[in-house]
Amino acid sequence: MAKPFEVTDETFEEEVLQATEPTLVDFWAEWCGPCRMVAPVVQEIADDYDGRLRVAKMDVDSNRQTPGKYGISGIPTLILFKDGAEAARIVGFRPKDAMVEELDPHID
């Protein structure tokens, strides 16, 4: 079972932008109901794509710099980074199949 890892403003550059594998970042907050709804789907995606996709989580309440840099105004927001750049963005809750449809073209 692949476990999403935590990233912070301080570790984002190294852990996400410099990663050799595509990295999906779940921008979330503890108080956010839709974030809690999307969490199990994100976990399933981490399991399904283990070895081909890294999955990270960033708490927007504790880390304000990175979400601001990427213009995140609503959560949950999931951004897929590939080769140091944004490749796909999913805002709000979506069923797993809709998320996978957005992500698949960018994952080898």
N, C-alpha and C. Protein backbone atom coordinates (compact mmCIF):
# COMPACT_ATOMS: atom_id res chain seq x y z
N MET A 1 0.85 -1.19 0.00
CA MET A 1 0.00 0.00 0.00
C MET A 1 0.88 1.24 0.00
N ALA A 2 0.79 2.03 -1.05
CA ALA A 2 1.56 3.26 -1.16
C ALA A 2 0.95 4.32 -0.24
N LYS A 3 1.80 5.01 0.47
CA LYS A 3 1.30 6.02 1.39
C LYS A 3 1.68 7.41 0.88
N PRO A 4 0.69 8.29 0.71
CA PRO A 4 1.02 9.66 0.35
C PRO A 4 1.94 10.28 1.41
N PHE A 5 2.87 11.11 0.97
CA PHE A 5 3.80 11.74 1.90
C PHE A 5 3.49 13.23 2.01
N GLU A 6 3.87 13.80 3.15
CA GLU A 6 3.63 15.22 3.40
C GLU A 6 4.73 16.06 2.76
N VAL A 7 4.34 17.18 2.14
CA VAL A 7 5.31 18.15 1.66
C VAL A 7 4.98 19.49 2.31
N THR A 8 6.00 20.32 2.42
CA THR A 8 5.85 21.65 3.01
C THR A 8 6.40 22.68 2.03
N ASP A 9 6.22 23.96 2.36
CA ASP A 9 6.81 25.01 1.53
C ASP A 9 8.31 24.79 1.39
N GLU A 10 8.95 24.32 2.46
CA GLU A 10 10.40 24.13 2.47
C GLU A 10 10.84 22.93 1.63
N THR A 11 10.03 21.88 1.56
CA THR A 11 10.44 20.66 0.85
C THR A 11 9.85 20.54 -0.56
N PHE A 12 8.96 21.45 -0.94
CA PHE A 12 8.24 21.35 -2.21
C PHE A 12 9.18 21.30 -3.41
N GLU A 13 10.14 22.19 -3.47
CA GLU A 13 11.06 22.25 -4.61
C GLU A 13 11.75 20.92 -4.82
N GLU A 14 12.35 20.38 -3.76
CA GLU A 14 13.10 19.13 -3.87
C GLU A 14 12.20 17.92 -4.08
N GLU A 15 11.13 17.83 -3.30
CA GLU A 15 10.28 16.64 -3.32
C GLU A 15 9.34 16.56 -4.52
N VAL A 16 8.94 17.71 -5.06
CA VAL A 16 7.95 17.72 -6.14
C VAL A 16 8.55 18.21 -7.46
N LEU A 17 9.08 19.40 -7.47
CA LEU A 17 9.55 19.98 -8.73
C LEU A 17 10.78 19.27 -9.28
N GLN A 18 11.64 18.75 -8.40
CA GLN A 18 12.84 18.06 -8.85
C GLN A 18 12.67 16.54 -8.94
N ALA A 19 11.48 16.05 -8.68
CA ALA A 19 11.22 14.60 -8.71
C ALA A 19 11.36 14.07 -10.13
N THR A 20 11.87 12.85 -10.23
CA THR A 20 12.01 12.23 -11.55
C THR A 20 10.70 11.57 -12.00
N GLU A 21 9.82 11.24 -11.05
CA GLU A 21 8.52 10.66 -11.39
C GLU A 21 7.45 11.74 -11.31
N PRO A 22 6.36 11.58 -12.06
CA PRO A 22 5.23 12.50 -11.90
C PRO A 22 4.77 12.47 -10.44
N THR A 23 4.39 13.64 -9.92
CA THR A 23 3.98 13.75 -8.52
C THR A 23 2.66 14.49 -8.44
N LEU A 24 1.68 13.83 -7.85
CA LEU A 24 0.36 14.42 -7.63
C LEU A 24 0.35 15.03 -6.23
N VAL A 25 0.02 16.32 -6.13
CA VAL A 25 -0.03 16.99 -4.83
C VAL A 25 -1.48 17.31 -4.51
N ASP A 26 -1.93 16.84 -3.36
CA ASP A 26 -3.27 17.10 -2.83
C ASP A 26 -3.16 18.27 -1.86
N PHE A 27 -3.66 19.44 -2.26
CA PHE A 27 -3.68 20.61 -1.39
C PHE A 27 -4.98 20.54 -0.59
N TRP A 28 -4.89 20.49 0.74
CA TRP A 28 -6.03 20.20 1.59
C TRP A 28 -5.93 20.95 2.92
N ALA A 29 -6.98 20.85 3.73
CA ALA A 29 -6.98 21.37 5.11
C ALA A 29 -7.85 20.45 5.97
N GLU A 30 -7.51 20.38 7.23
CA GLU A 30 -8.20 19.51 8.19
C GLU A 30 -9.71 19.81 8.25
N TRP A 31 -10.09 21.08 8.19
CA TRP A 31 -11.48 21.50 8.38
C TRP A 31 -12.33 21.33 7.12
N CYS A 32 -11.72 20.94 6.01
CA CYS A 32 -12.38 20.91 4.70
C CYS A 32 -13.11 19.58 4.48
N GLY A 33 -14.44 19.61 4.45
CA GLY A 33 -15.24 18.41 4.22
C GLY A 33 -14.95 17.72 2.90
N PRO A 34 -14.97 18.46 1.78
CA PRO A 34 -14.65 17.82 0.50
C PRO A 34 -13.24 17.22 0.47
N CYS A 35 -12.31 17.81 1.23
CA CYS A 35 -10.95 17.25 1.30
C CYS A 35 -10.99 15.86 1.94
N ARG A 36 -11.81 15.70 2.97
CA ARG A 36 -11.95 14.40 3.61
C ARG A 36 -12.62 13.40 2.67
N MET A 37 -13.52 13.89 1.80
CA MET A 37 -14.18 13.01 0.83
C MET A 37 -13.19 12.53 -0.23
N VAL A 38 -12.27 13.39 -0.65
CA VAL A 38 -11.35 13.04 -1.72
C VAL A 38 -10.17 12.21 -1.20
N ALA A 39 -9.88 12.26 0.08
CA ALA A 39 -8.71 11.56 0.64
C ALA A 39 -8.69 10.06 0.31
N PRO A 40 -9.79 9.31 0.46
CA PRO A 40 -9.73 7.88 0.12
C PRO A 40 -9.49 7.64 -1.37
N VAL A 41 -9.99 8.53 -2.22
CA VAL A 41 -9.76 8.41 -3.66
C VAL A 41 -8.29 8.65 -3.97
N VAL A 42 -7.71 9.64 -3.32
CA VAL A 42 -6.28 9.93 -3.50
C VAL A 42 -5.46 8.72 -3.05
N GLN A 43 -5.85 8.09 -1.94
CA GLN A 43 -5.15 6.90 -1.46
C GLN A 43 -5.25 5.76 -2.48
N GLU A 44 -6.43 5.57 -3.07
CA GLU A 44 -6.61 4.53 -4.09
C GLU A 44 -5.71 4.79 -5.29
N ILE A 45 -5.63 6.04 -5.72
CA ILE A 45 -4.78 6.41 -6.85
C ILE A 45 -3.32 6.13 -6.50
N ALA A 46 -2.91 6.47 -5.27
CA ALA A 46 -1.53 6.19 -4.83
C ALA A 46 -1.25 4.69 -4.91
N ASP A 47 -2.20 3.87 -4.50
CA ASP A 47 -2.03 2.41 -4.55
C ASP A 47 -1.98 1.91 -5.99
N ASP A 48 -2.93 2.37 -6.81
CA ASP A 48 -3.04 1.90 -8.19
C ASP A 48 -1.82 2.26 -9.04
N TYR A 49 -1.24 3.41 -8.76
CA TYR A 49 -0.13 3.91 -9.58
C TYR A 49 1.22 3.79 -8.87
N ASP A 50 1.28 2.98 -7.84
CA ASP A 50 2.53 2.80 -7.08
C ASP A 50 3.66 2.42 -8.04
N GLY A 51 4.77 3.14 -7.95
CA GLY A 51 5.90 2.87 -8.82
C GLY A 51 5.91 3.73 -10.09
N ARG A 52 4.76 4.34 -10.41
CA ARG A 52 4.67 5.19 -11.61
C ARG A 52 4.30 6.62 -11.27
N LEU A 53 3.78 6.83 -10.04
CA LEU A 53 3.29 8.14 -9.62
C LEU A 53 3.56 8.29 -8.13
N ARG A 54 4.10 9.44 -7.75
CA ARG A 54 4.26 9.75 -6.33
C ARG A 54 3.07 10.63 -5.93
N VAL A 55 2.56 10.43 -4.72
CA VAL A 55 1.42 11.21 -4.24
C VAL A 55 1.80 11.91 -2.95
N ALA A 56 1.61 13.23 -2.95
CA ALA A 56 1.97 14.05 -1.80
C ALA A 56 0.74 14.82 -1.32
N LYS A 57 0.80 15.24 -0.06
CA LYS A 57 -0.27 16.05 0.51
C LYS A 57 0.36 17.31 1.11
N MET A 58 -0.30 18.46 0.91
CA MET A 58 0.17 19.70 1.50
C MET A 58 -0.99 20.37 2.23
N ASP A 59 -0.81 20.59 3.52
CA ASP A 59 -1.79 21.28 4.36
C ASP A 59 -1.67 22.78 4.07
N VAL A 60 -2.73 23.36 3.49
CA VAL A 60 -2.67 24.76 3.08
C VAL A 60 -2.69 25.73 4.27
N ASP A 61 -3.16 25.27 5.44
CA ASP A 61 -3.15 26.13 6.62
C ASP A 61 -1.74 26.29 7.18
N SER A 62 -0.93 25.26 7.06
CA SER A 62 0.44 25.29 7.58
C SER A 62 1.44 25.79 6.54
N ASN A 63 1.07 25.75 5.29
CA ASN A 63 1.96 26.11 4.18
C ASN A 63 1.22 27.06 3.25
N ARG A 64 1.53 28.32 3.33
CA ARG A 64 0.79 29.32 2.55
C ARG A 64 1.52 29.76 1.28
N GLN A 65 2.82 29.64 1.26
CA GLN A 65 3.62 30.13 0.14
C GLN A 65 3.33 29.37 -1.15
N THR A 66 3.43 28.05 -1.11
CA THR A 66 3.26 27.24 -2.32
C THR A 66 1.84 27.34 -2.89
N PRO A 67 0.79 27.18 -2.07
CA PRO A 67 -0.56 27.33 -2.63
C PRO A 67 -0.76 28.72 -3.26
N GLY A 68 -0.20 29.75 -2.64
CA GLY A 68 -0.30 31.09 -3.20
C GLY A 68 0.39 31.21 -4.54
N LYS A 69 1.56 30.60 -4.64
CA LYS A 69 2.34 30.64 -5.88
C LYS A 69 1.57 29.99 -7.04
N TYR A 70 0.80 28.95 -6.74
CA TYR A 70 0.07 28.23 -7.78
C TYR A 70 -1.39 28.68 -7.89
N GLY A 71 -1.75 29.78 -7.23
CA GLY A 71 -3.08 30.35 -7.40
C GLY A 71 -4.21 29.49 -6.88
N ILE A 72 -3.95 28.75 -5.82
CA ILE A 72 -4.98 27.87 -5.27
C ILE A 72 -5.90 28.70 -4.38
N SER A 73 -7.16 28.80 -4.80
CA SER A 73 -8.12 29.60 -4.04
C SER A 73 -9.23 28.74 -3.44
N GLY A 74 -9.32 27.49 -3.86
CA GLY A 74 -10.31 26.57 -3.31
C GLY A 74 -9.68 25.21 -3.12
N ILE A 75 -10.15 24.52 -2.09
CA ILE A 75 -9.63 23.17 -1.83
C ILE A 75 -10.81 22.21 -1.73
N PRO A 76 -10.59 20.95 -2.02
CA PRO A 76 -9.32 20.36 -2.43
C PRO A 76 -8.95 20.75 -3.86
N THR A 77 -7.66 20.94 -4.06
CA THR A 77 -7.09 21.10 -5.39
C THR A 77 -5.98 20.07 -5.50
N LEU A 78 -5.99 19.32 -6.58
CA LEU A 78 -4.92 18.36 -6.85
C LEU A 78 -4.20 18.81 -8.10
N ILE A 79 -2.88 18.91 -8.01
CA ILE A 79 -2.08 19.30 -9.16
C ILE A 79 -1.06 18.20 -9.43
N LEU A 80 -1.02 17.77 -10.69
CA LEU A 80 -0.03 16.80 -11.12
C LEU A 80 1.15 17.56 -11.70
N PHE A 81 2.33 17.33 -11.11
CA PHE A 81 3.56 17.94 -11.59
C PHE A 81 4.37 16.88 -12.32
N LYS A 82 4.89 17.27 -13.48
CA LYS A 82 5.72 16.36 -14.27
C LYS A 82 6.87 17.18 -14.84
N ASP A 83 8.08 16.71 -14.63
CA ASP A 83 9.27 17.42 -15.10
C ASP A 83 9.31 18.86 -14.60
N GLY A 84 8.89 19.06 -13.35
CA GLY A 84 8.98 20.37 -12.71
C GLY A 84 7.90 21.36 -13.08
N ALA A 85 6.90 20.92 -13.84
CA ALA A 85 5.84 21.84 -14.27
C ALA A 85 4.46 21.22 -14.03
N GLU A 86 3.46 22.08 -13.92
CA GLU A 86 2.08 21.61 -13.77
C GLU A 86 1.63 20.94 -15.06
N ALA A 87 1.13 19.71 -14.93
CA ALA A 87 0.64 18.97 -16.10
C ALA A 87 -0.88 18.85 -16.10
N ALA A 88 -1.50 18.84 -14.92
CA ALA A 88 -2.96 18.72 -14.82
C ALA A 88 -3.40 19.28 -13.48
N ARG A 89 -4.63 19.78 -13.44
CA ARG A 89 -5.19 20.34 -12.21
C ARG A 89 -6.63 19.87 -12.07
N ILE A 90 -6.97 19.41 -10.87
CA ILE A 90 -8.33 18.97 -10.55
C ILE A 90 -8.77 19.76 -9.33
N VAL A 91 -9.87 20.48 -9.46
CA VAL A 91 -10.37 21.30 -8.36
C VAL A 91 -11.70 20.73 -7.88
N GLY A 92 -11.79 20.52 -6.56
CA GLY A 92 -13.01 20.00 -5.97
C GLY A 92 -13.07 18.48 -6.03
N PHE A 93 -14.11 17.94 -5.43
CA PHE A 93 -14.26 16.49 -5.42
C PHE A 93 -14.71 16.01 -6.78
N ARG A 94 -14.08 14.93 -7.23
CA ARG A 94 -14.51 14.23 -8.45
C ARG A 94 -14.43 12.75 -8.17
N PRO A 95 -15.27 11.94 -8.82
CA PRO A 95 -15.15 10.50 -8.66
C PRO A 95 -13.79 10.03 -9.20
N LYS A 96 -13.37 8.87 -8.73
CA LYS A 96 -12.06 8.34 -9.10
C LYS A 96 -11.90 8.25 -10.62
N ASP A 97 -12.90 7.73 -11.32
CA ASP A 97 -12.74 7.56 -12.77
C ASP A 97 -12.51 8.90 -13.48
N ALA A 98 -13.13 9.97 -13.00
CA ALA A 98 -12.93 11.30 -13.60
C ALA A 98 -11.52 11.80 -13.31
N MET A 99 -11.01 11.53 -12.12
CA MET A 99 -9.65 11.93 -11.78
C MET A 99 -8.63 11.17 -12.63
N VAL A 100 -8.83 9.86 -12.73
CA VAL A 100 -7.91 9.02 -13.50
C VAL A 100 -7.90 9.45 -14.97
N GLU A 101 -9.05 9.83 -15.49
CA GLU A 101 -9.13 10.29 -16.88
C GLU A 101 -8.27 11.54 -17.10
N GLU A 102 -8.21 12.41 -16.10
CA GLU A 102 -7.37 13.62 -16.18
C GLU A 102 -5.89 13.28 -16.04
N LEU A 103 -5.57 12.31 -15.21
CA LEU A 103 -4.18 12.01 -14.88
C LEU A 103 -3.50 11.06 -15.88
N ASP A 104 -4.24 10.08 -16.37
CA ASP A 104 -3.66 9.02 -17.23
C ASP A 104 -2.79 9.52 -18.39
N PRO A 105 -3.21 10.55 -19.13
CA PRO A 105 -2.39 10.95 -20.27
C PRO A 105 -0.98 11.42 -19.88
N HIS A 106 -0.77 11.75 -18.60
CA HIS A 106 0.50 12.31 -18.15
C HIS A 106 1.37 11.30 -17.41
N ILE A 107 0.86 10.08 -17.24
CA ILE A 107 1.58 9.06 -16.47
C ILE A 107 2.01 7.94 -17.41
N ASP A 108 3.28 7.61 -17.37
CA ASP A 108 3.82 6.55 -18.24
C ASP A 108 3.39 5.18 -17.77
